[in-house]
Protein backbone atom coordinates (compact mmCIF):
# COMPACT_ATOMS: atom_id res chain seq x y z
CA GLY A 1 -0.08 -0.02 0.00
CA VAL A 2 0.93 3.66 -0.34
CA MET A 3 2.15 4.89 3.31
CA LEU A 4 1.56 8.64 2.39
CA PRO A 5 -1.35 9.09 -0.42
CA VAL A 6 0.16 12.59 -1.60
CA GLU A 7 -1.03 13.64 -5.09
CA CYS A 8 2.09 14.98 -7.08
CA ASP A 9 1.64 17.94 -9.19
CA SER A 10 5.52 18.37 -9.57
CA PRO A 11 8.28 15.71 -8.96
CA ASP A 12 10.40 18.46 -7.06
CA ASN A 13 7.30 19.50 -4.44
CA ALA A 14 9.28 18.42 -1.19
CA MET A 15 5.92 16.49 0.23
CA CYS A 16 6.50 14.27 -3.37
CA VAL A 17 9.85 13.25 -2.40
CA LEU A 18 9.28 13.02 1.30
CA ALA A 19 6.67 10.48 0.27
CA ARG A 20 8.13 8.72 -2.46
CA GLN A 21 11.43 8.25 0.15
CA LEU A 22 8.81 6.77 3.03
CA ASN A 23 6.92 4.49 0.62
CA THR A 24 9.94 2.53 -0.67
CA VAL A 25 12.10 2.69 2.54
CA VAL A 26 9.84 1.67 5.11
CA GLY A 27 6.63 -0.37 4.79
CA GLU A 28 3.15 0.52 5.73
CA GLU A 29 2.82 -1.72 8.41
CA ASN A 30 6.01 -0.62 10.31
CA ILE A 31 5.37 2.70 9.99
CA ARG A 32 1.87 2.35 11.32
CA THR A 33 3.11 0.43 14.38
CA THR A 34 5.67 3.15 14.75
CA MET A 35 3.53 5.99 14.46
CA SER A 36 1.00 4.53 17.11
CA LYS A 37 3.36 4.25 19.64
CA THR A 38 5.10 7.37 19.12
CA ILE A 39 1.41 9.12 19.38
CA ASN A 40 0.37 7.02 22.32
CA THR A 41 3.70 8.10 23.88
CA PHE A 42 2.99 11.81 23.11
CA ILE A 43 -0.53 11.33 24.54
CA SER A 44 0.55 9.94 27.83
CA ALA A 45 3.31 12.73 28.20
CA ILE A 46 0.70 15.49 27.40
CA ASN A 47 -1.35 13.84 29.69
CA ALA A 48 0.98 13.83 32.34
CA GLN A 49 1.81 17.40 31.68
CA ILE A 50 -1.90 18.51 31.46
CA GLY A 51 -2.14 16.67 34.91
CA LYS A 52 0.71 18.92 36.32
CA PHE A 53 -0.44 21.78 35.01
CA ILE A 54 -3.66 21.35 36.45
CA LEU A 55 -2.04 20.78 39.95
CA SER A 56 -0.16 24.18 39.56
CA ILE A 57 -2.80 26.40 39.01
CA PRO A 58 -3.28 26.83 42.62
CA MET A 59 0.01 27.53 43.76
CA PHE A 60 0.41 30.00 40.66
CA LEU A 61 -2.65 31.85 41.82
CA VAL A 62 -1.14 31.97 45.42
CA GLN A 63 2.27 33.42 43.81
CA VAL A 64 0.11 36.38 41.72
CA THR A 65 -1.60 37.06 44.99
CA ILE A 66 1.52 37.23 46.74
CA PHE A 67 2.96 39.30 43.38
CA LEU A 68 0.46 41.80 43.47
CA PHE A 69 0.36 42.37 47.22
CA VAL A 70 4.30 43.19 47.54
CA MET A 71 3.46 45.25 44.27
CA PHE A 72 0.91 47.25 46.02
CA PHE A 73 2.58 48.29 49.14
CA SER A 74 6.24 48.39 47.32
CA LEU A 75 4.69 51.64 44.78
CA ARG A 76 2.75 52.68 47.93
CA ASP A 77 5.65 52.74 50.32
CA GLY A 78 8.65 52.13 48.55
CA ALA A 79 10.20 55.21 49.38
CA GLY A 80 9.78 54.62 52.79
CA TRP A 81 11.34 51.19 53.23
CA VAL A 82 14.26 52.47 51.16
CA LYS A 83 14.86 55.27 53.61
CA TYR A 84 14.29 52.92 56.31
CA MET A 85 16.81 50.20 55.03
CA ARG A 86 19.46 53.16 54.30
CA THR A 87 19.26 53.91 57.81
CA SER A 88 18.83 50.42 59.63
CA MET A 89 22.10 49.42 57.80
CA PRO A 90 24.78 48.72 60.55
CA LEU A 91 27.47 50.13 58.51
CA VAL A 92 29.29 53.29 58.32
CA THR A 93 27.50 56.12 56.72
CA ARG A 94 30.24 56.16 53.44
CA HIS A 95 29.95 52.15 53.45
CA ARG A 96 25.96 52.40 53.74
CA ASP A 97 25.93 54.68 50.38
CA VAL A 98 28.25 52.94 48.45
CA VAL A 99 25.90 49.57 48.98
CA TYR A 100 22.64 51.93 48.40
CA ASN A 101 24.56 53.19 45.41
CA ASN A 102 25.93 49.94 44.01
CA THR A 103 22.60 48.26 44.22
CA GLN A 104 20.68 51.31 42.65
CA GLN A 105 22.81 51.37 39.93
CA MET A 106 22.55 47.15 39.36
CA LEU A 107 18.67 47.71 39.34
CA ASP A 108 18.56 50.37 37.12
CA ALA A 109 20.85 47.80 34.55
CA LEU A 110 18.58 45.23 35.23
CA LEU A 111 15.65 47.41 34.36
CA TYR A 112 16.99 48.66 31.13
CA GLY A 113 18.74 45.69 29.99
CA GLN A 114 15.23 43.88 30.17
CA ILE A 115 13.47 46.88 28.36
CA ILE A 116 16.35 46.56 25.40
CA THR A 117 16.52 43.14 25.23
CA SER A 118 12.31 43.15 25.08
CA ILE A 119 12.65 46.05 22.39
CA VAL A 120 15.13 43.78 20.44
CA GLN A 121 13.24 40.71 20.85
CA GLY A 122 9.96 42.43 19.05
CA VAL A 123 12.41 44.42 16.22
CA ILE A 124 13.63 41.26 15.51
CA GLY A 125 10.34 39.05 15.59
CA GLY A 126 8.35 41.86 13.39
CA ILE A 127 11.20 41.45 11.03
CA GLY A 128 11.14 37.96 10.98
CA PHE A 129 6.85 37.93 10.81
CA TRP A 130 7.65 40.67 7.41
CA ILE A 131 9.97 38.30 5.66
CA PHE A 132 7.66 35.23 6.06
CA GLY A 133 4.48 37.74 4.89
CA VAL A 134 2.84 37.41 8.52
CA ASP A 135 0.16 40.00 8.14
CA SER A 136 0.74 43.27 10.33
CA PRO A 137 4.17 42.42 11.35
CA ILE A 138 4.77 45.73 12.76
CA PHE A 139 2.10 44.86 15.19
CA TRP A 140 3.09 41.40 16.17
CA GLY A 141 6.65 42.73 16.63
CA VAL A 142 5.40 45.51 19.06
CA MET A 143 2.76 42.79 20.77
CA MET A 144 6.08 40.79 21.03
CA ALA A 145 8.17 43.72 22.80
CA PHE A 146 5.20 43.97 25.36
CA LEU A 147 5.12 40.60 26.48
CA ALA A 148 8.77 39.80 26.50
CA VAL A 149 8.78 42.56 29.40
CA LEU A 150 6.18 39.95 31.46
CA PRO A 151 8.19 36.90 33.20
CA VAL A 152 6.77 33.60 32.09
CA VAL A 153 4.57 34.97 29.42
CA GLY A 154 7.17 36.42 27.15
CA PRO A 155 7.03 36.62 23.06
CA TRP A 156 6.71 33.09 22.78
CA VAL A 157 2.69 33.65 23.22
CA ILE A 158 2.96 35.40 19.31
CA TYR A 159 5.59 33.44 17.35
CA ILE A 160 4.88 29.47 18.61
CA PRO A 161 0.71 30.26 17.27
CA ALA A 162 2.21 31.81 14.29
CA GLY A 163 4.68 29.06 13.74
CA LEU A 164 2.06 26.49 13.46
CA GLY A 165 -0.09 28.83 11.79
CA MET A 166 2.10 28.74 9.09
CA LEU A 167 2.93 25.14 9.23
CA VAL A 168 -0.69 24.49 9.03
CA ASP A 169 -1.49 26.65 5.91
CA GLY A 170 1.69 25.21 4.40
CA PHE A 171 4.51 27.45 4.54
CA ALA A 172 6.83 25.30 4.83
CA LEU A 173 6.19 22.69 2.60
CA SER A 174 5.13 25.31 -0.03
CA ASP A 175 7.44 26.59 -2.94
CA ASN A 176 7.48 29.91 -1.84
C-alpha cells in the first residue's frame, strides 16, 4: 500500500519527495506501528503534563496574589522602605552609601537591560514576521516587545501560534 497518499503535481515538491522516499524505504505496517507507539507516548506525556498543569494552578494563583500584594505596598510605601533600609544598615555611612549606590546601579541596569532586550526581541520578531509574510508584522512585533517584559508569558505567546499557523497553512512545504 501507499504510505502517504499525496497527489504530486510536481516531482520536485518537497512533500512528494518525502512521500516517495517513505513509501520505498519503510513498509506501511512498520510505519503504522511506529506511529501508533509514538502517538500513544505523546498522548501519555501530554496527559501527565496536563495533570501537572492543573495541579500547579492553585500555586500560581497564590504566587500572583503575593506578587500583587508586594507590588501594591512597594509602590505605595517604597520610598519609606528605602529610607528605612538605608538608616537601619549596620554600616558606616560611607559604606552604606556605597551599598545603596551599587544596588541602585544594579537595579537600573536590570530594568534598562530588560526593556532593551524586549525591544530587540520585538524588532527581530517583527522583521521575521515581515520576511515570512505574516499579516501586520509591525503590530505583532510591538506585541512581542510588550509581552517580552512579562515573566513567563513572553513573546512565545505570539511566535509559537504564528509558526504553527504557518505550518498548518503549508508555508514550510510550499514553493515560496
